[in-house]
N, C-alpha and C. Protein backbone atom coordinates (compact mmCIF):
# COMPACT_ATOMS: atom_id res chain seq x y z
N LYS A 1 -16.39 -14.39 -15.73
CA LYS A 1 -15.16 -14.40 -16.04
C LYS A 1 -14.19 -14.08 -14.58
N LEU A 2 -14.37 -12.51 -14.81
CA LEU A 2 -13.68 -11.73 -13.90
C LEU A 2 -14.06 -12.14 -12.22
N ALA A 3 -14.93 -12.36 -12.06
CA ALA A 3 -15.57 -12.89 -10.78
C ALA A 3 -14.71 -14.17 -10.31
N SER A 4 -14.41 -14.96 -11.44
CA SER A 4 -13.79 -16.42 -10.90
C SER A 4 -12.31 -16.14 -11.07
N ASN A 5 -11.77 -15.31 -11.20
CA ASN A 5 -10.30 -14.96 -11.14
C ASN A 5 -9.71 -15.20 -9.77
N PRO A 6 -8.88 -15.98 -9.44
CA PRO A 6 -8.66 -16.15 -8.17
C PRO A 6 -7.68 -14.76 -7.40
N TYR A 7 -7.13 -14.53 -8.46
CA TYR A 7 -6.09 -13.37 -8.13
C TYR A 7 -6.61 -11.98 -8.14
N LEU A 8 -8.05 -11.85 -7.96
CA LEU A 8 -8.72 -10.30 -8.26
C LEU A 8 -8.51 -9.56 -7.01
N TYR A 9 -8.22 -10.42 -5.86
CA TYR A 9 -8.33 -9.66 -4.76
C TYR A 9 -6.82 -8.76 -4.36
N LEU A 10 -5.83 -9.19 -5.13
CA LEU A 10 -4.51 -8.53 -5.15
C LEU A 10 -4.91 -7.42 -6.15
N PHE A 11 -5.74 -7.13 -7.01
CA PHE A 11 -5.59 -5.98 -7.76
C PHE A 11 -6.97 -5.19 -7.79
N LYS A 12 -7.88 -5.57 -6.91
CA LYS A 12 -9.24 -4.85 -7.02
C LYS A 12 -9.27 -3.34 -6.55
N ASP A 13 -8.10 -3.16 -5.59
CA ASP A 13 -8.18 -1.57 -4.87
C ASP A 13 -7.41 -0.65 -6.17
N TYR A 14 -6.49 -1.12 -7.24
CA TYR A 14 -5.75 -0.28 -7.94
C TYR A 14 -6.92 0.22 -9.30
N GLU A 15 -6.18 1.41 -9.73
CA GLU A 15 -6.65 1.91 -10.95
C GLU A 15 -6.09 0.72 -11.99
N ARG A 16 -6.71 0.70 -13.06
CA ARG A 16 -6.52 -0.31 -13.81
C ARG A 16 -5.14 -0.14 -14.50
N GLU A 17 -4.69 1.17 -14.81
CA GLU A 17 -3.46 1.39 -15.39
C GLU A 17 -2.46 1.41 -14.46
N TRP A 18 -2.45 1.05 -13.03
CA TRP A 18 -1.74 0.78 -12.21
C TRP A 18 -1.81 -0.35 -11.16
N ALA A 19 -2.46 -1.52 -12.04
CA ALA A 19 -2.67 -2.72 -11.38
C ALA A 19 -1.37 -3.65 -10.79
N ALA A 20 -0.29 -3.23 -11.36
CA ALA A 20 1.03 -3.72 -10.67
C ALA A 20 1.83 -2.72 -10.00
N TYR A 21 1.37 -1.70 -9.60
CA TYR A 21 1.63 -1.04 -8.91
C TYR A 21 2.37 -1.56 -7.50
N LYS A 22 1.56 -2.82 -6.81
CA LYS A 22 2.18 -3.23 -6.00
C LYS A 22 3.26 -3.88 -5.95
N VAL A 23 3.29 -4.82 -7.03
CA VAL A 23 5.05 -5.19 -7.77
C VAL A 23 5.98 -3.96 -7.85
N TYR A 24 5.54 -3.19 -8.11
CA TYR A 24 6.73 -1.98 -8.60
C TYR A 24 7.00 -1.50 -6.88
N SER A 25 5.99 -1.27 -6.05
CA SER A 25 6.36 -0.96 -4.86
C SER A 25 7.20 -2.10 -3.85
N GLN A 26 6.94 -3.17 -4.14
CA GLN A 26 7.77 -4.50 -3.54
C GLN A 26 8.89 -4.48 -3.99
N MET A 27 9.32 -4.22 -5.34
CA MET A 27 10.57 -4.16 -5.83
C MET A 27 11.24 -3.22 -5.85
N ALA A 28 10.38 -2.05 -5.42
CA ALA A 28 11.37 -0.75 -4.98
C ALA A 28 11.88 -0.82 -3.35
N PHE A 29 11.08 -1.32 -2.45
CA PHE A 29 11.48 -1.40 -1.07
C PHE A 29 12.75 -2.44 -1.19
N LYS A 30 12.96 -3.21 -1.82
CA LYS A 30 13.55 -4.84 -1.98
C LYS A 30 15.19 -3.75 -2.78
N PHE A 31 14.81 -3.05 -3.77
CA PHE A 31 15.87 -2.38 -4.12
C PHE A 31 16.49 -1.39 -2.97
N LEU A 32 15.55 -0.72 -2.57
CA LEU A 32 16.30 0.18 -1.24
C LEU A 32 16.67 -0.58 -0.32
N LEU A 33 16.51 -1.59 0.06
CA LEU A 33 17.23 -2.37 0.96
C LEU A 33 18.46 -2.98 0.69
N LEU A 34 18.68 -3.53 -0.55
CA LEU A 34 19.92 -4.12 -0.95
C LEU A 34 20.93 -3.60 -1.60
N VAL A 35 20.48 -2.36 -2.33
CA VAL A 35 21.55 -1.70 -3.20
C VAL A 35 22.49 -0.72 -2.38
N PRO A 36 22.00 -0.23 -1.65
CA PRO A 36 22.89 0.67 -0.65
C PRO A 36 23.70 -0.28 0.35
N ALA A 37 23.09 -1.70 1.03
CA ALA A 37 23.98 -2.39 1.83
C ALA A 37 24.92 -3.15 0.99
N ILE A 38 24.69 -3.74 -0.47
CA ILE A 38 25.50 -4.35 -1.45
C ILE A 38 26.53 -3.46 -1.61
N ILE A 39 26.29 -2.23 -1.98
CA ILE A 39 27.63 -1.21 -2.63
C ILE A 39 28.37 -0.50 -1.59
N LEU A 40 27.67 -0.40 -0.39
CA LEU A 40 28.40 0.22 0.49
C LEU A 40 28.98 -0.71 1.94
N GLY A 41 28.29 -1.67 1.81
CA GLY A 41 28.29 -2.46 3.03
C GLY A 41 28.16 -2.02 4.37
N ALA A 42 28.90 -2.07 5.52
CA ALA A 42 28.47 -1.62 6.72
C ALA A 42 29.55 -0.23 6.95
N THR A 43 30.21 0.02 5.74
CA THR A 43 31.66 1.10 6.20
C THR A 43 31.06 2.29 5.80
N ALA A 44 29.89 2.74 5.15
CA ALA A 44 29.44 3.78 4.64
C ALA A 44 28.34 4.14 5.25
N PRO A 45 27.58 4.37 6.81
CA PRO A 45 26.25 4.34 7.17
C PRO A 45 25.76 5.44 6.41
N VAL A 46 26.59 6.85 6.28
CA VAL A 46 25.94 8.42 6.01
C VAL A 46 25.37 8.08 4.30
N ALA A 47 26.87 7.23 3.80
CA ALA A 47 26.39 7.24 2.27
C ALA A 47 24.86 6.41 2.23
N GLN A 48 24.85 5.36 2.72
CA GLN A 48 23.69 4.48 2.77
C GLN A 48 22.44 5.18 2.73
N TYR A 49 22.57 6.07 4.09
CA TYR A 49 21.45 6.95 4.09
C TYR A 49 21.09 7.58 3.06
N GLY A 50 21.96 8.37 2.66
CA GLY A 50 21.68 9.34 1.56
C GLY A 50 21.32 8.64 0.17
N ILE A 51 21.64 7.55 0.14
CA ILE A 51 21.13 7.06 -1.36
C ILE A 51 19.77 6.60 -0.95
N SER A 52 19.52 6.02 -0.01
CA SER A 52 18.23 5.72 0.44
C SER A 52 17.30 6.72 0.26
N LEU A 53 17.99 7.98 0.85
CA LEU A 53 17.00 8.84 0.64
C LEU A 53 16.54 9.38 -0.55
N VAL A 54 17.37 9.79 -1.60
CA VAL A 54 17.33 9.89 -2.85
C VAL A 54 16.12 9.31 -3.39
N PHE A 55 16.41 7.75 -3.18
CA PHE A 55 15.74 6.71 -3.89
C PHE A 55 13.92 6.77 -3.10
N ILE A 56 14.00 6.99 -1.84
CA ILE A 56 12.70 7.39 -1.26
C ILE A 56 12.12 8.53 -1.72
N VAL A 57 12.49 9.48 -2.12
CA VAL A 57 12.19 10.96 -2.48
C VAL A 57 11.46 10.35 -3.91
N VAL A 58 12.44 9.92 -4.67
CA VAL A 58 12.03 9.56 -5.94
C VAL A 58 10.66 8.86 -6.06
N PHE A 59 10.54 7.54 -4.96
CA PHE A 59 9.62 6.66 -5.18
C PHE A 59 8.36 7.48 -4.33
N ALA A 60 8.68 8.32 -3.64
CA ALA A 60 7.44 8.96 -2.64
C ALA A 60 7.02 10.09 -3.97
N ALA A 61 7.79 10.47 -4.93
CA ALA A 61 7.18 11.63 -5.65
C ALA A 61 6.14 10.66 -7.13
N PHE A 62 6.78 9.49 -7.15
CA PHE A 62 6.23 8.44 -8.24
C PHE A 62 4.49 8.03 -7.60
N ALA A 63 4.96 8.11 -6.37
CA ALA A 63 3.65 7.55 -5.57
C ALA A 63 2.37 8.50 -5.81
N ALA A 64 2.86 9.82 -5.64
CA ALA A 64 2.32 10.69 -5.43
C ALA A 64 1.58 11.23 -7.08
N TYR A 65 2.30 10.96 -7.77
CA TYR A 65 1.97 11.14 -9.21
C TYR A 65 1.12 10.48 -9.62
N SER A 66 1.04 9.01 -9.59
CA SER A 66 0.71 7.89 -10.23
C SER A 66 -1.01 7.66 -9.49
N ALA A 67 -1.00 8.29 -8.18
CA ALA A 67 -2.23 7.94 -7.44
C ALA A 67 -2.86 6.45 -8.15
N PRO A 68 -2.20 5.42 -7.51
CA PRO A 68 -2.73 4.49 -8.12
C PRO A 68 -3.99 3.58 -7.38
N PHE A 69 -4.50 4.25 -6.74
CA PHE A 69 -5.89 3.72 -5.76
C PHE A 69 -6.95 4.07 -6.70
N LEU A 70 -7.93 3.13 -6.42
CA LEU A 70 -9.55 3.63 -7.03
C LEU A 70 -9.98 4.53 -5.83
N ASP A 71 -9.54 4.48 -4.59
CA ASP A 71 -10.14 5.42 -3.44
C ASP A 71 -9.02 6.58 -3.43
N ASP A 72 -9.73 7.58 -3.01
CA ASP A 72 -8.59 8.71 -2.63
C ASP A 72 -7.70 8.57 -1.15
N GLU A 73 -8.92 8.29 -0.38
CA GLU A 73 -8.38 7.87 0.75
C GLU A 73 -7.29 7.08 1.02
N LEU A 74 -7.35 5.65 0.07
CA LEU A 74 -6.05 5.05 -0.12
C LEU A 74 -4.49 5.55 -0.75
N ASP A 75 -5.12 6.55 -1.60
CA ASP A 75 -3.70 7.29 -2.05
C ASP A 75 -3.16 8.18 -1.13
N ILE A 76 -4.11 8.86 -0.15
CA ILE A 76 -3.64 9.51 1.11
C ILE A 76 -2.78 8.83 1.80
N VAL A 77 -3.35 7.62 2.29
CA VAL A 77 -2.55 6.64 3.21
C VAL A 77 -1.24 6.50 2.57
N GLU A 78 -1.18 5.89 1.25
CA GLU A 78 -0.02 5.68 0.76
C GLU A 78 0.96 6.62 0.80
N ASN A 79 0.32 7.86 0.50
CA ASN A 79 1.45 9.29 0.69
C ASN A 79 1.86 9.53 1.90
N ILE A 80 0.90 9.13 2.99
CA ILE A 80 1.38 9.24 4.49
C ILE A 80 2.19 8.52 4.69
N SER A 81 2.42 7.32 4.03
CA SER A 81 3.54 6.43 4.30
C SER A 81 4.55 6.55 3.85
N ARG A 82 4.47 7.19 2.43
CA ARG A 82 5.78 7.34 1.96
C ARG A 82 6.57 8.48 2.74
N VAL A 83 5.50 9.76 3.50
CA VAL A 83 6.46 10.71 3.87
C VAL A 83 6.97 9.97 5.18
N THR A 84 6.14 9.28 5.77
CA THR A 84 6.80 8.66 7.20
C THR A 84 7.84 8.33 6.92
N ILE A 85 8.25 7.35 5.80
CA ILE A 85 9.34 6.54 5.65
C ILE A 85 10.36 7.72 5.54
N LEU A 86 10.23 8.71 4.49
CA LEU A 86 11.03 9.90 4.48
C LEU A 86 11.71 10.54 5.65
N ILE A 87 10.54 10.73 6.33
CA ILE A 87 11.22 11.58 7.83
C ILE A 87 11.91 10.66 8.41
N THR A 88 11.46 9.31 8.57
CA THR A 88 12.36 8.08 9.55
C THR A 88 13.70 8.15 8.93
N VAL A 89 13.92 8.12 7.81
CA VAL A 89 15.21 7.89 7.47
C VAL A 89 15.88 9.21 7.47
N LEU A 90 15.48 10.36 7.35
CA LEU A 90 16.05 11.60 7.55
C LEU A 90 16.34 11.66 8.89
N LEU A 91 15.60 11.30 9.71
CA LEU A 91 16.15 11.45 11.16
C LEU A 91 17.03 10.72 11.50
N GLY A 92 17.07 9.09 10.87
CA GLY A 92 18.01 8.36 11.35
C GLY A 92 19.30 8.89 10.45
N LEU A 93 19.36 9.61 9.23
CA LEU A 93 20.76 10.28 8.66
C LEU A 93 21.30 11.10 10.05
N VAL A 94 20.22 12.18 10.11
CA VAL A 94 20.89 13.25 11.01
C VAL A 94 21.52 12.31 12.31
N LEU A 95 20.46 11.45 13.29
CA LEU A 95 21.30 10.72 13.96
C LEU A 95 22.76 9.91 13.77
N THR A 96 22.99 9.46 12.56
CA THR A 96 23.89 8.83 12.55
C THR A 96 25.42 9.81 12.27
N ILE A 97 24.87 10.96 11.70
CA ILE A 97 25.59 12.34 11.50
C ILE A 97 26.35 12.60 13.12
N LEU A 98 25.11 12.58 14.14
CA LEU A 98 25.56 13.41 15.04
C LEU A 98 26.26 12.37 16.40
N ALA A 99 25.93 11.07 16.16
CA ALA A 99 26.63 10.03 17.07
C ALA A 99 27.97 9.56 16.57
N PRO A 100 28.88 9.63 17.44
CA PRO A 100 30.13 9.40 16.89
C PRO A 100 30.11 7.58 16.25
N ARG A 101 30.92 7.53 15.74
CA ARG A 101 31.17 6.01 14.87
C ARG A 101 31.29 4.85 15.79
N ASN A 102 31.74 5.12 17.15
CA ASN A 102 31.77 3.76 18.16
C ASN A 102 30.60 3.80 18.94
N PHE A 103 29.39 4.68 18.92
CA PHE A 103 28.42 4.73 19.47
C PHE A 103 27.62 3.25 19.62
N ASN A 104 27.76 2.18 18.29
CA ASN A 104 27.15 1.13 18.23
C ASN A 104 28.47 0.12 18.56
N ASP A 105 28.83 0.19 19.96
CA ASP A 105 29.89 -0.44 20.23
C ASP A 105 29.41 -2.20 20.88
N GLY A 106 28.05 -2.12 20.79
CA GLY A 106 27.23 -3.41 21.28
C GLY A 106 26.78 -3.34 22.62
N ASP A 107 26.89 -2.44 23.35
CA ASP A 107 26.12 -2.36 24.75
C ASP A 107 25.07 -1.47 24.57
N ASP A 108 24.76 -0.51 23.64
CA ASP A 108 23.97 0.23 23.53
C ASP A 108 23.55 1.13 24.84
N SER A 109 24.47 1.22 25.67
CA SER A 109 24.11 1.90 26.89
C SER A 109 24.45 3.65 26.60
N GLY A 110 24.81 3.97 25.55
CA GLY A 110 25.27 5.15 25.28
C GLY A 110 26.31 5.71 25.97
N ASP A 111 27.42 5.22 26.88
CA ASP A 111 28.10 5.79 27.72
C ASP A 111 28.90 6.38 26.95
N ASP A 112 29.22 6.10 25.69
CA ASP A 112 30.63 6.61 25.10
C ASP A 112 30.18 7.91 24.55
N LEU A 113 28.96 8.44 24.72
CA LEU A 113 28.67 9.81 24.08
C LEU A 113 28.70 10.71 25.47
N ASP A 114 29.34 12.01 25.08
CA ASP A 114 28.95 13.22 25.79
C ASP A 114 27.33 13.61 26.35
N GLY A 115 27.44 14.47 27.27
CA GLY A 115 26.06 14.76 27.45
C GLY A 115 25.17 15.64 26.32
N GLN A 116 25.48 16.42 25.58
CA GLN A 116 25.12 16.97 24.63
C GLN A 116 24.41 16.00 23.59
N GLN A 117 25.52 15.11 23.24
CA GLN A 117 25.13 14.03 22.28
C GLN A 117 24.19 13.01 22.73
N LYS A 118 24.12 13.10 24.03
CA LYS A 118 23.19 11.60 24.43
C LYS A 118 21.93 12.37 24.19
N LYS A 119 21.50 13.67 24.54
CA LYS A 119 20.61 14.34 24.87
C LYS A 119 19.74 14.34 23.09
N ASP A 120 21.03 14.74 22.37
CA ASP A 120 20.31 15.00 20.87
C ASP A 120 19.80 13.25 20.27
N VAL A 121 20.79 12.33 20.72
CA VAL A 121 20.32 11.15 20.45
C VAL A 121 18.98 10.62 20.71
N GLU A 122 18.76 11.18 22.25
CA GLU A 122 17.33 10.66 22.54
C GLU A 122 16.09 11.64 22.34
N ILE A 123 16.58 13.13 21.95
CA ILE A 123 15.56 13.47 21.30
C ILE A 123 15.37 13.30 19.61
N LEU A 124 16.13 12.75 18.88
CA LEU A 124 15.95 12.09 17.71
C LEU A 124 15.34 10.61 17.68
N GLY A 125 15.61 9.88 18.61
CA GLY A 125 14.93 8.86 19.00
C GLY A 125 13.58 9.23 19.48
N ASP A 126 13.16 10.11 19.99
CA ASP A 126 11.85 10.40 20.78
C ASP A 126 11.20 10.83 19.34
N LEU A 127 11.54 11.92 18.34
CA LEU A 127 11.25 12.26 17.52
C LEU A 127 10.58 11.30 16.14
N ILE A 128 11.45 10.16 16.16
CA ILE A 128 11.08 9.17 15.10
C ILE A 128 9.70 8.33 15.69
N VAL A 129 9.87 8.24 17.00
CA VAL A 129 8.80 7.57 17.79
C VAL A 129 7.52 8.12 17.59
N VAL A 130 7.34 10.02 17.62
CA VAL A 130 6.15 10.75 17.49
C VAL A 130 5.82 10.76 15.80
N VAL A 131 6.75 10.76 15.25
CA VAL A 131 6.44 10.51 13.85
C VAL A 131 5.51 9.73 13.40
N ASN A 132 6.32 8.43 13.71
CA ASN A 132 5.46 7.04 13.45
C ASN A 132 4.26 6.80 14.34
N ALA A 133 3.89 7.69 15.41
CA ALA A 133 2.74 7.51 15.96
C ALA A 133 1.55 8.21 15.53
N ILE A 134 2.05 9.70 14.93
CA ILE A 134 1.22 10.51 14.16
C ILE A 134 0.78 9.51 13.05
N SER A 135 1.50 9.26 12.25
CA SER A 135 1.40 8.24 11.18
C SER A 135 0.19 7.18 11.18
N LEU A 136 0.69 6.52 12.25
CA LEU A 136 -0.39 5.52 12.68
C LEU A 136 -1.92 6.15 12.84
N VAL A 137 -1.89 7.38 13.78
CA VAL A 137 -3.36 7.75 13.89
C VAL A 137 -3.74 8.28 12.55
N LEU A 138 -3.00 8.81 11.62
CA LEU A 138 -3.66 9.39 10.21
C LEU A 138 -4.32 7.77 9.36
N PHE A 139 -3.25 6.91 9.69
CA PHE A 139 -3.77 5.99 8.90
C PHE A 139 -4.93 4.87 9.32
N VAL A 140 -5.14 5.04 10.73
CA VAL A 140 -6.48 4.79 11.45
C VAL A 140 -7.47 5.30 10.83
N PHE A 141 -7.37 6.88 11.04
CA PHE A 141 -8.45 7.91 10.56
C PHE A 141 -8.72 7.21 9.18
N MET A 142 -7.87 7.85 8.30
CA MET A 142 -8.11 7.55 6.68
C MET A 142 -8.86 5.98 6.50
N ILE A 143 -8.49 5.17 7.06
CA ILE A 143 -9.24 3.67 6.82
C ILE A 143 -10.54 3.50 7.26
N ALA A 144 -10.84 4.62 8.68
CA ALA A 144 -11.87 4.98 9.21
C ALA A 144 -12.88 5.44 8.23
N LEU A 145 -12.44 6.60 7.27
CA LEU A 145 -13.01 7.32 6.76
C LEU A 145 -13.43 6.53 5.16
N ALA A 146 -12.55 5.67 5.13
CA ALA A 146 -12.77 4.73 3.86
C ALA A 146 -13.76 3.89 3.85
N ASN A 147 -13.74 3.15 5.27
CA ASN A 147 -14.71 2.51 5.65
C ASN A 147 -16.13 2.86 5.55
N GLN A 148 -16.00 4.06 6.24
CA GLN A 148 -17.60 4.99 5.82
C GLN A 148 -18.23 5.22 4.32
N LYS A 149 -17.45 4.97 3.68
CA LYS A 149 -17.72 5.16 2.24
C LYS A 149 -18.18 3.82 1.47
N VAL A 150 -18.07 2.80 2.56
CA VAL A 150 -18.49 1.45 1.59
C VAL A 150 -19.86 1.15 1.96
N PRO A 151 -20.80 1.05 0.93
CA PRO A 151 -22.18 0.80 1.16
C PRO A 151 -22.17 -0.66 1.86
N SER A 152 -23.29 -0.69 2.96
CA SER A 152 -23.34 -2.05 3.57
C SER A 152 -23.99 -3.01 2.79
N THR A 153 -23.70 -4.26 2.85
CA THR A 153 -23.94 -5.10 1.86
C THR A 153 -25.20 -6.02 3.12
N SER A 154 -25.69 -5.41 4.03
CA SER A 154 -26.56 -6.55 4.98
C SER A 154 -27.83 -5.75 4.68
N THR A 155 -28.76 -6.60 4.68
CA THR A 155 -30.07 -6.20 4.11
C THR A 155 -31.07 -6.15 5.26
């Protein structure tokens, strides 16, 4: 009966008590996207980042506590993902604080920044790229490690 369940692929990687984790995480990110935008609109980007950071920290702690996956490597990948999101949003917050409000005047040239502000924005942008690149390398490594554990089905 279990093998004929068409939805088995959705939940096969999760611990039994965390089978609905995928639903929780999807709802959490929809909440994360909508609530700050609805409550604050585009008028308070620093407050939006602050609310998002608090929510990400809570959800990252929940993900680390729950360890919802059957494979430890997948739990590690999940935690790497949450930490990457946290660092990216934190750097975005710092970028928003450092750049003047008129930075996003539509031309993206950065000509309305002074020399030091321009350097700071470039460094933070580069840092965001580096953090996400490191995350990608860690993902690939952990997935390769998890695939090595899978027994071969060929005879």
